[in-house]
Amino acid sequence: MAKKKNLRSSEWFNSKNHKRDTFLHRGWMRNQGHPQHLFDGRPVIGICNTWSELTPCNGHFREISDYVKKGVYEAGGFPLEFPVFSASESNLRPTAMLFRNLASMDVEEAIRGNPIDGVVLLMGCDKTTPSLLMGAGSVDLPTIGVSGGPMLNGQYQGNTIGSGTGVWKLDADLTAGIISENDFIDAEISMSRSKGNCMTMGTASTMGSMVEALGMSLPGNAAIPAVDSRRYSLAFMSGKRIVEMVNEDLKMSKIITKKSFENAIKVNGAIGGSTNAVIHLAAIAGRLEIDIGLSDWEKSGKNIPTLVNLQPSGKYLMEDFYYAGGLPVVIKRLLEKKILHEQCITVNGKTIFENNIDAKCWNDDVIKKYETPLVENGGIKILRGNIAPDGAIIKPSAASPELMKHKGKAVVFESVEELHNKIDNPNLDVDENSILVLKNCGPKGYPGMAEVGNMRLPQKLLKKGIRDMIRISDARMSGTAYGTVILHTSPETAVKGPLAAVQNGDIIELDVERGVLNLLVDEKIIKKRVDSYKPVLPDIKGGYQKMYVDHVMQADKGADLDFLVGKRGDKVKRYSH
């Protein structure tokens, strides 16, 4: 394949008009032992690495990067690895979501400001995937994604245990006194037994699937276990392919289109994907200047059956999903029903149809046939009403069918701190028909819109054997979580959205099939309550968190910072001494 002319990196390393700058740029790079021939005009490939010992899901990314480099070298490129901010879902406080946009800024400026012709994004833990795609989208160079892959199945007392999903169940059992603290710790040790991200269909595995469905990775990226040798082979081939993409000038914007987003929304429904995908896809679309909103989820996600029988919606885990055939099988089954836009291009230059139509399924219980799905109408359901005029969402495949149409009395918590203080009070006026309402946990209110929407049930109800109730908030929940949980209520309480009007004892009506979420209170009373409401605002003294609170958009807009939306391209002012 012929080399691309006029590489970006040549402005740094081979400028004919600014030889002094070339001397400086190239000269300092030599101190790492790079020989002369690597500066001969070959594509420079940046490897954007979110490795961190504080981000355990991405702890093996140094090894993955080494394989990417091998592929880049084989294809005649020059790989240069660079670190970016790594948002750890399991460690970072107050919530990793608060720092997704910060990480995207780091990614964008690192790519634009350096001598890079194409970029490989190494991503895994929940927020590293959207943040890297967001930052790269604003620059719009040839780009390919490589996910870290899921952990091996957890094994506990002769049964599988899924990361996240098992935690919520075990925590409920511990609170109810069914298991001991030692049992809880044994399960913890048994759950995370290899490198990789959550092996349930949580946000990490969902976003790995979205990368593949969007066409931004090689086929198979979503499900190969982190410690499987085929994960490293995929990394090698991705490094090889990115050099070809540079020579073809196959930029990110040529791959990700409105139609590829519609494909991703449909695939998300079929896999029982995380509710967090709604926010992340909207933010990625905003960077690429593609209009994706809740109306697109209503249109494209409607009537999509959930085919993948994985926790938290089903039974199995990601290792089983891979052995059954992985995401290519899901895509094939949607293609066969003419549900996807089959001509969408992918990073390997082939269409999504060409990549997946010959996929074979090895276990129809893990990946159900279209005619016998896990859930007939899965996906993400959009709810609207007088407490969610800009929308709220629910994941039917993870909810209780008997609660999908319900009226109940509100039990209100004005903050997550009040929830923690009161939820186990034996005098709390609550029963299994009540609806728990949590306020001030949205993008501005928490800040960062933490994963607290799947509120723990009251201890007195857990002891009665109750394991699900309707819960409503302006927060998010982990993709590993389950239950009849209504999330992302917009506008949020902190900006005096109408969720602020809900008071203890109010009757709330939910009808998921009709897409209705209403407070059965007179509209004039709602307005009066909202006007007099005083939000519980975070105590922010400055720094990035103040910038975030001042500029973050609402959940239905992807919770990006308003000034980061759009493409700013790859042009950068020449550095000159």
Protein backbone atom coordinates (compact mmCIF):
# COMPACT_ATOMS: atom_id res chain seq x y z
CA MET A 1 0.00 0.00 0.00
CA ALA A 2 1.28 3.43 -0.95
CA LYS A 3 2.22 5.75 1.89
CA LYS A 4 0.06 8.77 2.58
CA LYS A 5 1.63 12.05 1.59
CA ASN A 6 1.68 15.13 3.81
CA LEU A 7 1.62 13.35 7.17
CA ARG A 8 0.97 15.54 10.22
CA SER A 9 4.12 14.20 11.87
CA SER A 10 6.24 15.55 9.01
CA GLU A 11 5.54 19.07 10.29
CA TRP A 12 7.51 18.06 13.39
CA PHE A 13 10.10 15.63 12.10
CA ASN A 14 10.67 16.45 8.42
CA SER A 15 9.91 20.13 7.89
CA LYS A 16 11.87 21.58 4.98
CA ASN A 17 11.03 25.17 5.91
CA HIS A 18 11.76 25.05 9.64
CA LYS A 19 14.86 22.92 9.99
CA ARG A 20 15.74 24.27 13.42
CA ASP A 21 12.40 23.08 14.79
CA THR A 22 12.88 19.71 13.09
CA PHE A 23 16.31 19.43 14.71
CA LEU A 24 14.81 20.07 18.15
CA HIS A 25 11.80 17.80 17.80
CA ARG A 26 13.73 14.94 16.28
CA GLY A 27 16.84 15.42 18.35
CA TRP A 28 15.15 15.11 21.71
CA MET A 29 13.25 12.02 20.56
CA ARG A 30 16.60 10.33 19.84
CA ASN A 31 17.43 10.16 23.53
CA GLN A 32 15.06 7.18 23.75
CA GLY A 33 17.14 5.26 21.25
CA HIS A 34 14.96 5.77 18.18
CA PRO A 35 17.15 5.27 15.07
CA GLN A 36 17.23 7.53 12.03
CA HIS A 37 15.02 5.39 9.77
CA LEU A 38 12.00 5.84 12.06
CA PHE A 39 11.95 9.49 11.08
CA ASP A 40 11.85 8.78 7.35
CA GLY A 41 8.28 9.93 6.81
CA ARG A 42 6.47 6.81 8.00
CA PRO A 43 3.15 7.23 9.89
CA VAL A 44 3.54 8.04 13.57
CA ILE A 45 0.93 6.17 15.57
CA GLY A 46 -0.03 7.40 19.01
CA ILE A 47 -1.07 4.73 21.51
CA CYS A 48 -3.40 6.45 23.97
CA ASN A 49 -3.04 4.39 27.14
CA THR A 50 -5.30 4.52 30.19
CA TRP A 51 -3.12 2.07 32.14
CA SER A 52 -3.01 2.78 35.85
CA GLU A 53 -2.51 0.66 38.94
CA LEU A 54 -5.40 2.66 40.40
CA THR A 55 -7.63 1.52 37.51
CA PRO A 56 -7.59 -2.25 38.06
CA CYS A 57 -9.71 -3.02 34.98
CA ASN A 58 -6.94 -1.49 32.84
CA GLY A 59 -4.00 -2.90 34.76
CA HIS A 60 -2.87 -5.11 31.85
CA PHE A 61 -2.74 -2.33 29.26
CA ARG A 62 1.05 -2.17 29.18
CA GLU A 63 1.03 -5.70 27.75
CA ILE A 64 -1.73 -4.83 25.28
CA SER A 65 0.23 -1.76 24.20
CA ASP A 66 3.28 -3.91 23.47
CA TYR A 67 1.24 -5.99 21.03
CA VAL A 68 -0.18 -2.88 19.38
CA LYS A 69 3.39 -1.66 18.87
CA LYS A 70 4.38 -4.93 17.22
CA GLY A 71 1.55 -4.52 14.74
CA VAL A 72 2.43 -0.90 14.02
CA TYR A 73 6.07 -1.77 13.37
CA GLU A 74 5.13 -4.67 11.10
CA ALA A 75 2.99 -2.35 8.98
CA GLY A 76 5.78 0.21 8.65
CA GLY A 77 4.63 2.71 11.27
CA PHE A 78 6.35 4.34 14.22
CA PRO A 79 4.41 3.71 17.49
CA LEU A 80 4.65 6.16 20.37
CA GLU A 81 2.74 5.46 23.56
CA PHE A 82 1.41 8.24 25.78
CA PRO A 83 -0.58 8.25 29.03
CA VAL A 84 -3.82 10.08 29.67
CA PHE A 85 -6.00 10.60 32.72
CA SER A 86 -7.46 7.24 33.77
CA ALA A 87 -10.85 7.31 35.50
CA SER A 88 -11.20 4.26 37.73
CA GLU A 89 -14.80 3.22 38.30
CA SER A 90 -13.96 1.22 41.41
CA ASN A 91 -11.67 3.71 43.18
CA LEU A 92 -12.21 7.28 42.02
CA ARG A 93 -14.30 9.50 44.30
CA PRO A 94 -16.76 11.13 44.39
CA THR A 95 -17.60 9.38 41.10
CA ALA A 96 -15.64 8.51 37.95
CA MET A 97 -18.31 10.20 35.83
CA LEU A 98 -17.26 13.56 37.23
CA PHE A 99 -13.90 13.10 35.52
CA ARG A 100 -14.98 11.60 32.18
CA ASN A 101 -14.98 15.04 30.57
CA LEU A 102 -11.64 15.95 32.14
CA ALA A 103 -10.12 12.78 30.67
CA SER A 104 -11.59 13.65 27.27
CA MET A 105 -9.89 17.05 27.40
CA ASP A 106 -6.57 15.36 28.17
CA VAL A 107 -7.05 12.97 25.25
CA GLU A 108 -8.03 15.68 22.79
CA GLU A 109 -5.14 18.00 23.56
CA ALA A 110 -2.58 15.17 23.73
CA ILE A 111 -3.57 13.94 20.27
CA ARG A 112 -3.77 17.36 18.66
CA GLY A 113 -0.63 18.77 20.22
CA ASN A 114 1.72 15.91 19.37
CA PRO A 115 3.24 14.55 16.11
CA ILE A 116 0.57 11.90 15.61
CA ASP A 117 -0.93 10.72 12.30
CA GLY A 118 -3.26 8.08 13.70
CA VAL A 119 -4.22 6.89 17.15
CA VAL A 120 -5.00 3.60 18.90
CA LEU A 121 -7.27 4.04 21.92
CA LEU A 122 -6.68 1.56 24.78
CA MET A 123 -9.83 1.59 26.89
CA GLY A 124 -11.70 -0.66 29.25
CA CYS A 125 -12.97 0.64 32.59
CA ASP A 126 -16.33 2.34 32.18
CA LYS A 127 -15.45 6.00 31.61
CA THR A 128 -12.18 5.42 29.76
CA THR A 129 -14.05 4.22 26.67
CA PRO A 130 -16.34 7.24 26.16
CA SER A 131 -13.70 9.75 27.26
CA LEU A 132 -11.19 8.47 24.70
CA LEU A 133 -13.77 8.39 21.92
CA MET A 134 -14.96 11.89 22.85
CA GLY A 135 -11.47 13.39 22.85
CA ALA A 136 -10.44 11.62 19.67
CA GLY A 137 -13.70 12.64 17.98
CA SER A 138 -13.00 16.33 18.52
CA VAL A 139 -9.64 15.93 16.72
CA ASP A 140 -10.85 13.47 14.05
CA LEU A 141 -7.73 11.60 12.97
CA PRO A 142 -7.67 7.96 11.80
CA THR A 143 -8.56 6.15 15.01
CA ILE A 144 -9.10 2.55 16.14
CA GLY A 145 -10.28 1.26 19.50
CA VAL A 146 -8.90 -1.69 21.47
CA SER A 147 -10.78 -2.68 24.61
CA GLY A 148 -9.09 -4.48 27.49
CA GLY A 149 -11.69 -7.25 27.65
CA PRO A 150 -13.64 -8.78 30.53
CA MET A 151 -12.36 -10.82 33.47
CA LEU A 152 -12.86 -14.56 33.53
CA ASN A 153 -16.09 -15.70 35.16
CA GLY A 154 -16.12 -15.43 38.92
CA GLN A 155 -16.47 -18.77 40.71
CA TYR A 156 -18.06 -18.96 44.16
CA GLN A 157 -19.32 -22.02 46.05
CA GLY A 158 -19.72 -24.01 42.85
CA ASN A 159 -21.57 -21.25 41.00
CA THR A 160 -20.58 -18.33 38.81
CA ILE A 161 -20.56 -14.86 40.33
CA GLY A 162 -20.71 -11.71 38.26
CA SER A 163 -18.86 -8.52 39.12
CA GLY A 164 -21.22 -5.81 40.30
CA THR A 165 -24.40 -7.83 39.89
CA GLY A 166 -23.27 -10.33 42.53
CA VAL A 167 -22.27 -7.47 44.81
CA TRP A 168 -25.76 -5.97 44.87
CA LYS A 169 -27.34 -9.36 45.64
CA LEU A 170 -24.78 -10.24 48.31
CA ASP A 171 -25.10 -6.83 49.93
CA ALA A 172 -28.87 -7.28 50.18
CA ASP A 173 -28.37 -10.76 51.69
CA LEU A 174 -25.80 -9.40 54.18
CA THR A 175 -28.12 -6.58 55.21
CA ALA A 176 -30.97 -9.06 55.60
CA GLY A 177 -28.76 -11.32 57.78
CA ILE A 178 -28.89 -14.25 55.34
CA ILE A 179 -25.09 -14.45 54.93
CA SER A 180 -22.17 -13.59 57.21
CA GLU A 181 -19.36 -11.08 56.79
CA ASN A 182 -16.96 -13.97 56.11
CA ASP A 183 -19.25 -15.24 53.33
CA PHE A 184 -19.22 -11.74 51.87
CA ILE A 185 -15.40 -11.60 51.87
CA ASP A 186 -15.10 -15.10 50.35
CA ALA A 187 -17.36 -13.99 47.50
CA GLU A 188 -15.23 -10.86 47.03
CA ILE A 189 -12.09 -12.96 46.65
CA SER A 190 -13.84 -15.32 44.22
CA MET A 191 -15.25 -12.61 41.99
CA SER A 192 -12.18 -10.89 40.53
CA ARG A 193 -9.88 -13.76 39.60
CA SER A 194 -8.18 -12.40 36.46
CA LYS A 195 -7.22 -9.19 34.74
CA GLY A 196 -9.93 -7.31 32.91
CA ASN A 197 -13.12 -5.33 33.40
CA CYS A 198 -16.51 -6.47 34.76
CA MET A 199 -17.57 -9.75 33.19
CA THR A 200 -21.27 -8.91 33.46
CA MET A 201 -22.96 -6.81 30.78
CA GLY A 202 -22.10 -3.72 32.79
CA THR A 203 -21.03 -0.40 31.37
CA ALA A 204 -17.48 -1.51 30.50
CA SER A 205 -18.64 -4.52 28.46
CA THR A 206 -21.52 -2.51 27.04
CA MET A 207 -19.22 0.25 25.83
CA GLY A 208 -16.79 -2.31 24.40
CA SER A 209 -19.78 -3.62 22.46
CA MET A 210 -20.75 -0.09 21.40
CA VAL A 211 -17.23 0.48 20.04
CA GLU A 212 -17.61 -2.64 17.92
CA ALA A 213 -21.18 -1.81 16.86
CA LEU A 214 -20.13 1.71 15.83
CA GLY A 215 -17.45 0.17 13.62
CA MET A 216 -14.58 1.65 15.65
CA SER A 217 -12.86 -1.66 16.43
CA LEU A 218 -11.98 -4.87 14.66
CA PRO A 219 -14.65 -7.59 14.87
CA GLY A 220 -14.64 -9.54 18.14
CA ASN A 221 -13.36 -6.67 20.27
CA ALA A 222 -16.26 -6.65 22.72
CA ALA A 223 -16.06 -10.07 24.32
CA ILE A 224 -12.61 -11.69 24.12
CA PRO A 225 -11.54 -12.24 27.76
CA ALA A 226 -8.69 -10.01 28.91
CA VAL A 227 -6.34 -12.94 29.54
CA ASP A 228 -7.17 -14.85 26.35
CA SER A 229 -4.28 -14.83 23.86
CA ARG A 230 -6.74 -13.76 21.18
CA ARG A 231 -7.09 -10.39 22.94
CA TYR A 232 -3.40 -9.76 22.32
CA SER A 233 -3.68 -10.96 18.74
CA LEU A 234 -6.48 -8.45 18.21
CA ALA A 235 -4.26 -5.72 19.66
CA PHE A 236 -1.48 -6.71 17.25
CA MET A 237 -3.82 -6.61 14.26
CA SER A 238 -5.26 -3.27 15.39
CA GLY A 239 -1.75 -1.81 15.42
CA LYS A 240 -1.20 -3.14 11.92
CA ARG A 241 -4.54 -1.81 10.70
CA ILE A 242 -4.14 1.75 12.04
CA VAL A 243 -1.12 2.29 9.77
CA GLU A 244 -3.25 1.26 6.80
CA MET A 245 -6.01 3.60 7.97
CA VAL A 246 -3.59 6.52 8.00
CA ASN A 247 -2.50 5.72 4.46
CA GLU A 248 -6.18 5.50 3.45
CA ASP A 249 -7.05 8.69 5.37
CA LEU A 250 -9.91 6.76 7.02
CA LYS A 251 -10.83 9.23 9.75
CA MET A 252 -13.17 8.72 12.66
CA SER A 253 -15.87 10.91 11.07
CA LYS A 254 -15.93 8.66 7.99
CA ILE A 255 -16.82 5.67 10.18
CA ILE A 256 -19.15 7.05 12.82
CA THR A 257 -22.33 8.45 11.26
CA LYS A 258 -25.93 8.92 12.32
CA LYS A 259 -26.68 5.47 10.90
CA SER A 260 -23.88 3.81 12.86
CA PHE A 261 -25.24 5.38 16.06
CA GLU A 262 -28.67 3.97 15.20
CA ASN A 263 -27.02 0.58 14.78
CA ALA A 264 -25.34 0.91 18.17
CA ILE A 265 -28.65 1.78 19.87
CA LYS A 266 -30.25 -1.33 18.38
CA VAL A 267 -27.32 -3.52 19.39
CA ASN A 268 -27.50 -2.10 22.91
CA GLY A 269 -31.07 -3.31 23.15
CA ALA A 270 -30.16 -6.75 21.86
CA ILE A 271 -27.33 -7.21 24.39
CA GLY A 272 -29.27 -5.83 27.36
CA GLY A 273 -26.71 -3.07 27.57
CA SER A 274 -26.11 -0.54 30.33
CA THR A 275 -28.29 2.52 30.79
CA ASN A 276 -25.06 4.52 30.88
CA ALA A 277 -24.72 3.99 27.12
CA VAL A 278 -27.48 6.59 26.64
CA ILE A 279 -25.35 9.34 28.15
CA HIS A 280 -22.05 8.23 26.66
CA LEU A 281 -23.29 7.83 23.08
CA ALA A 282 -24.91 11.27 23.26
CA ALA A 283 -21.62 12.81 24.40
CA ILE A 284 -19.60 11.04 21.67
CA ALA A 285 -22.14 12.14 19.06
CA GLY A 286 -21.90 15.72 20.28
CA ARG A 287 -18.14 15.76 19.70
CA LEU A 288 -18.65 14.50 16.13
CA GLU A 289 -21.48 17.01 15.56
CA ILE A 290 -24.08 14.29 15.05
CA ASP A 291 -27.51 14.87 16.57
CA ILE A 292 -28.36 11.89 18.81
CA GLY A 293 -31.01 12.37 21.48
CA LEU A 294 -33.59 10.43 23.48
CA SER A 295 -35.92 10.53 20.48
CA ASP A 296 -33.39 8.38 18.61
CA TRP A 297 -33.48 5.81 21.42
CA GLU A 298 -37.29 5.83 21.17
CA LYS A 299 -37.17 5.36 17.39
CA SER A 300 -34.22 2.99 16.99
CA GLY A 301 -34.48 1.11 20.28
CA LYS A 302 -38.19 0.41 20.09
CA ASN A 303 -39.27 -3.24 20.03
CA ILE A 304 -35.69 -4.58 19.99
CA PRO A 305 -35.64 -7.98 21.73
CA THR A 306 -32.90 -8.71 24.24
CA LEU A 307 -31.02 -11.71 22.85
CA VAL A 308 -28.04 -11.96 25.19
CA ASN A 309 -28.72 -13.99 28.32
CA LEU A 310 -26.17 -12.25 30.55
CA GLN A 311 -26.23 -10.79 34.03
CA PRO A 312 -27.73 -8.46 35.16
CA SER A 313 -30.64 -9.17 32.79
CA GLY A 314 -30.03 -12.92 32.49
CA LYS A 315 -27.91 -15.85 33.60
CA TYR A 316 -24.46 -16.02 31.96
CA LEU A 317 -21.29 -13.90 31.90
CA MET A 318 -19.00 -12.38 29.25
CA GLU A 319 -16.69 -15.40 29.03
CA ASP A 320 -19.72 -17.51 28.08
CA PHE A 321 -20.80 -14.82 25.61
CA TYR A 322 -17.44 -14.99 23.83
CA TYR A 323 -17.45 -18.78 23.61
CA ALA A 324 -20.99 -18.64 22.20
CA GLY A 325 -19.82 -16.41 19.36
CA GLY A 326 -19.78 -12.94 20.88
CA LEU A 327 -21.14 -9.72 19.43
CA PRO A 328 -20.78 -10.80 15.77
CA VAL A 329 -23.59 -13.33 16.36
CA VAL A 330 -25.86 -10.65 17.83
CA ILE A 331 -25.15 -8.34 14.91
CA LYS A 332 -25.76 -11.16 12.44
CA ARG A 333 -29.15 -11.93 13.97
CA LEU A 334 -30.18 -8.29 13.67
CA LEU A 335 -28.84 -8.11 10.11
CA GLU A 336 -30.88 -11.16 9.14
CA LYS A 337 -34.03 -9.31 10.24
CA LYS A 338 -33.00 -6.21 8.25
CA ILE A 339 -32.86 -4.20 11.47
CA LEU A 340 -29.37 -2.67 11.04
CA HIS A 341 -27.96 -0.30 8.44
CA GLU A 342 -25.84 -2.97 6.79
CA GLN A 343 -23.62 -0.70 4.66
CA CYS A 344 -22.06 1.21 7.57
CA ILE A 345 -18.27 1.13 7.15
CA THR A 346 -15.95 -0.09 9.91
CA VAL A 347 -12.28 0.42 10.74
CA ASN A 348 -11.14 -2.56 8.68
CA GLY A 349 -12.64 -0.98 5.58
CA LYS A 350 -15.43 -3.54 5.35
CA THR A 351 -19.11 -2.99 6.09
CA ILE A 352 -20.79 -4.21 9.25
CA PHE A 353 -22.62 -6.70 7.01
CA GLU A 354 -19.41 -8.10 5.53
CA ASN A 355 -17.80 -8.43 8.95
CA ASN A 356 -20.62 -10.28 10.67
CA ILE A 357 -23.00 -12.04 8.31
CA ASP A 358 -21.07 -15.33 8.48
CA ALA A 359 -20.80 -15.39 12.29
CA LYS A 360 -21.72 -18.71 13.93
CA CYS A 361 -23.44 -19.25 17.26
CA TRP A 362 -22.23 -22.08 19.48
CA ASN A 363 -24.78 -21.72 22.30
CA ASP A 364 -28.34 -20.57 21.67
CA ASP A 365 -29.04 -20.32 25.39
CA VAL A 366 -26.37 -17.65 25.82
CA ILE A 367 -27.28 -15.79 22.62
CA LYS A 368 -30.96 -16.36 22.03
CA LYS A 369 -32.51 -16.62 18.60
CA TYR A 370 -34.51 -13.60 17.48
CA GLU A 371 -37.73 -15.60 17.62
CA THR A 372 -37.16 -16.78 21.22
CA PRO A 373 -35.51 -13.82 22.99
CA LEU A 374 -34.69 -13.36 26.65
CA VAL A 375 -37.01 -10.32 26.72
CA GLU A 376 -39.33 -9.44 23.86
CA ASN A 377 -39.11 -5.68 24.24
CA GLY A 378 -35.78 -5.00 25.88
CA GLY A 379 -33.40 -2.14 25.30
CA ILE A 380 -33.80 1.22 26.98
CA LYS A 381 -37.26 2.68 27.42
CA ILE A 382 -37.72 6.45 27.48
CA LEU A 383 -40.21 7.84 30.00
CA ARG A 384 -41.71 11.32 29.97
CA GLY A 385 -44.14 13.19 32.18
CA ASN A 386 -44.57 16.14 34.46
CA ILE A 387 -41.54 15.20 36.60
CA ALA A 388 -39.41 14.26 33.58
CA PRO A 389 -40.29 16.68 30.76
CA ASP A 390 -36.88 16.14 29.12
CA GLY A 391 -37.02 12.41 29.72
CA ALA A 392 -36.00 9.64 32.08
CA ILE A 393 -34.95 6.09 31.29
CA ILE A 394 -35.53 2.53 32.47
CA LYS A 395 -34.03 -0.81 31.42
CA PRO A 396 -36.96 -3.25 31.12
CA SER A 397 -34.78 -6.35 30.79
CA ALA A 398 -33.39 -5.75 34.30
CA ALA A 399 -36.71 -4.73 35.88
CA SER A 400 -39.56 -6.65 37.53
CA PRO A 401 -42.45 -7.18 35.09
CA GLU A 402 -45.09 -6.76 37.80
CA LEU A 403 -43.82 -3.24 38.56
CA MET A 404 -43.81 -1.94 34.99
CA LYS A 405 -47.27 -0.47 35.52
CA HIS A 406 -47.71 0.85 39.03
CA LYS A 407 -48.99 3.63 41.26
CA GLY A 408 -47.45 4.20 44.64
CA LYS A 409 -46.74 6.67 47.42
CA ALA A 410 -43.44 8.54 47.24
CA VAL A 411 -40.82 8.14 49.95
CA VAL A 412 -38.49 11.08 49.32
CA PHE A 413 -34.81 11.61 50.11
CA GLU A 414 -33.43 15.07 49.37
CA SER A 415 -29.83 13.82 49.13
CA VAL A 416 -27.87 10.60 49.12
CA GLU A 417 -26.73 11.41 52.66
CA GLU A 418 -30.36 11.56 53.80
CA LEU A 419 -30.98 8.24 52.06
CA HIS A 420 -28.12 6.59 53.95
CA ASN A 421 -29.27 8.07 57.26
CA LYS A 422 -32.93 7.10 56.96
CA ILE A 423 -33.28 4.03 54.73
CA ASP A 424 -32.88 1.49 57.55
CA ASN A 425 -34.87 3.43 60.15
CA PRO A 426 -37.53 0.97 61.35
CA ASN A 427 -39.97 3.89 61.64
CA LEU A 428 -39.60 4.89 57.99
CA ASP A 429 -43.09 5.02 56.46
CA VAL A 430 -42.45 2.64 53.58
CA ASP A 431 -43.76 -0.64 52.20
CA GLU A 432 -43.14 -2.71 49.09
CA ASN A 433 -45.69 -0.66 47.12
CA SER A 434 -43.93 2.62 47.85
CA ILE A 435 -41.77 4.44 45.31
CA LEU A 436 -38.36 5.61 46.53
CA VAL A 437 -37.38 9.05 45.20
CA LEU A 438 -33.83 10.41 45.42
CA LYS A 439 -33.05 14.04 44.54
CA ASN A 440 -29.96 16.19 43.96
CA CYS A 441 -27.82 13.44 42.42
CA GLY A 442 -27.69 14.64 38.80
CA PRO A 443 -24.77 16.16 36.84
CA LYS A 444 -24.64 19.38 38.86
CA GLY A 445 -26.19 18.10 42.06
CA TYR A 446 -23.83 15.35 43.13
CA PRO A 447 -21.69 16.63 41.23
CA GLY A 448 -20.94 14.11 38.50
CA MET A 449 -24.22 12.15 38.52
CA ALA A 450 -23.07 9.22 40.65
CA GLU A 451 -24.26 5.61 40.34
CA VAL A 452 -26.60 5.79 43.32
CA GLY A 453 -29.91 5.44 41.47
CA ASN A 454 -30.31 1.76 42.39
CA MET A 455 -30.99 2.71 45.99
CA ARG A 456 -30.61 -0.02 48.61
CA LEU A 457 -33.98 -1.19 49.82
CA PRO A 458 -35.03 -0.63 53.46
CA GLN A 459 -33.70 -3.31 55.80
CA LYS A 460 -37.15 -4.10 57.13
CA LEU A 461 -38.36 -4.92 53.61
CA LEU A 462 -35.25 -6.95 52.76
CA LYS A 463 -35.93 -9.09 55.84
CA LYS A 464 -39.43 -9.72 54.46
CA GLY A 465 -37.84 -11.06 51.27
CA ILE A 466 -38.56 -7.98 49.11
CA ARG A 467 -35.82 -7.57 46.50
CA ASP A 468 -37.20 -4.89 44.17
CA MET A 469 -39.13 -1.63 44.36
CA ILE A 470 -39.59 1.26 41.98
CA ARG A 471 -36.84 3.79 42.47
CA ILE A 472 -36.69 7.21 40.76
CA SER A 473 -33.80 9.67 40.69
CA ASP A 474 -31.81 12.12 38.61
CA ALA A 475 -28.77 9.87 39.19
CA ARG A 476 -27.28 6.97 37.21
CA MET A 477 -26.79 3.35 38.17
CA SER A 478 -24.05 0.86 37.46
CA GLY A 479 -24.54 -1.16 34.31
CA THR A 480 -24.10 -4.22 36.52
CA ALA A 481 -27.13 -3.27 38.61
CA TYR A 482 -30.70 -4.45 38.21
CA GLY A 483 -34.21 -3.62 39.36
CA THR A 484 -37.11 -1.36 38.42
CA VAL A 485 -34.96 1.73 38.52
CA ILE A 486 -35.84 4.99 36.76
CA LEU A 487 -32.79 7.13 36.05
CA HIS A 488 -31.47 10.33 34.45
CA THR A 489 -34.64 12.28 35.26
CA SER A 490 -34.18 15.53 33.39
CA PRO A 491 -33.93 18.39 34.17
CA GLU A 492 -32.28 17.44 37.45
CA THR A 493 -33.33 18.66 40.87
CA ALA A 494 -30.26 20.88 41.32
CA VAL A 495 -31.45 23.15 38.48
CA LYS A 496 -35.00 23.04 39.91
CA GLY A 497 -36.34 20.46 37.54
CA PRO A 498 -39.87 19.30 38.45
CA LEU A 499 -38.60 16.20 40.27
CA ALA A 500 -37.97 18.79 42.99
CA ALA A 501 -41.75 19.02 43.54
CA VAL A 502 -42.18 15.44 44.76
CA GLN A 503 -43.02 15.19 48.47
CA ASN A 504 -43.59 12.30 50.85
CA GLY A 505 -46.97 10.69 50.32
CA ASP A 506 -47.49 12.00 46.77
CA ILE A 507 -48.81 9.43 44.31
CA ILE A 508 -46.59 8.67 41.31
CA GLU A 509 -47.81 6.83 38.24
CA LEU A 510 -45.52 4.66 36.09
CA ASP A 511 -46.56 2.99 32.84
CA VAL A 512 -43.48 1.74 31.00
CA GLU A 513 -45.39 0.47 27.98
CA ARG A 514 -46.92 3.92 27.42
CA GLY A 515 -43.68 5.69 28.37
CA VAL A 516 -45.40 7.64 31.14
CA LEU A 517 -43.99 8.92 34.44
CA ASN A 518 -46.25 11.38 36.24
CA LEU A 519 -46.71 12.97 39.62
CA LEU A 520 -50.45 12.94 40.33
CA VAL A 521 -50.47 16.43 41.79
CA ASP A 522 -52.11 19.55 40.34
CA GLU A 523 -49.78 21.38 37.94
CA LYS A 524 -50.20 24.68 39.81
CA ILE A 525 -49.09 23.02 43.04
CA ILE A 526 -46.10 21.48 41.24
CA LYS A 527 -45.06 24.89 39.91
CA LYS A 528 -45.44 26.50 43.33
CA ARG A 529 -43.33 23.79 44.95
CA VAL A 530 -40.60 24.06 42.32
CA ASP A 531 -40.47 27.87 42.58
CA SER A 532 -39.92 27.69 46.35
CA TYR A 533 -37.57 24.69 46.28
CA LYS A 534 -34.03 25.10 47.58
CA PRO A 535 -31.69 22.53 45.99
CA VAL A 536 -29.09 20.71 48.08
CA LEU A 537 -26.01 21.92 46.21
CA PRO A 538 -22.47 20.54 46.48
CA ASP A 539 -19.83 22.49 48.36
CA ILE A 540 -17.44 23.33 45.53
CA LYS A 541 -14.51 25.63 46.30
CA GLY A 542 -12.87 25.80 42.89
CA GLY A 543 -10.70 23.82 40.49
CA TYR A 544 -11.97 21.43 37.84
CA GLN A 545 -15.07 20.57 39.86
CA LYS A 546 -16.25 24.19 39.74
CA MET A 547 -15.66 24.30 36.00
CA TYR A 548 -17.65 21.09 35.70
CA VAL A 549 -20.62 22.36 37.70
CA ASP A 550 -20.62 25.68 35.83
CA HIS A 551 -20.59 24.09 32.37
CA VAL A 552 -22.01 20.55 32.51
CA MET A 553 -25.09 19.93 30.40
CA GLN A 554 -28.07 17.82 31.43
CA ALA A 555 -28.26 14.05 31.14
CA ASP A 556 -30.35 14.06 27.96
CA LYS A 557 -27.54 16.03 26.28
CA GLY A 558 -24.83 13.57 27.37
CA ALA A 559 -23.60 15.50 30.45
CA ASP A 560 -20.65 16.87 28.46
CA LEU A 561 -19.25 20.32 29.16
CA ASP A 562 -20.94 22.84 26.89
CA PHE A 563 -17.68 24.27 25.53
CA LEU A 564 -16.35 20.83 24.56
CA VAL A 565 -19.12 19.94 22.11
CA GLY A 566 -18.03 19.76 18.46
CA LYS A 567 -14.94 19.07 16.38
CA ARG A 568 -11.96 21.39 16.68
CA GLY A 569 -9.83 19.44 14.22
CA ASP A 570 -6.14 18.56 14.18
CA LYS A 571 -4.59 21.93 13.35
CA VAL A 572 -2.19 23.34 15.91
CA LYS A 573 0.04 26.42 15.99
CA ARG A 574 3.61 25.61 15.03
CA TYR A 575 6.07 25.66 17.89
CA SER A 576 9.06 27.83 17.10
CA HIS A 577 12.12 28.87 19.06
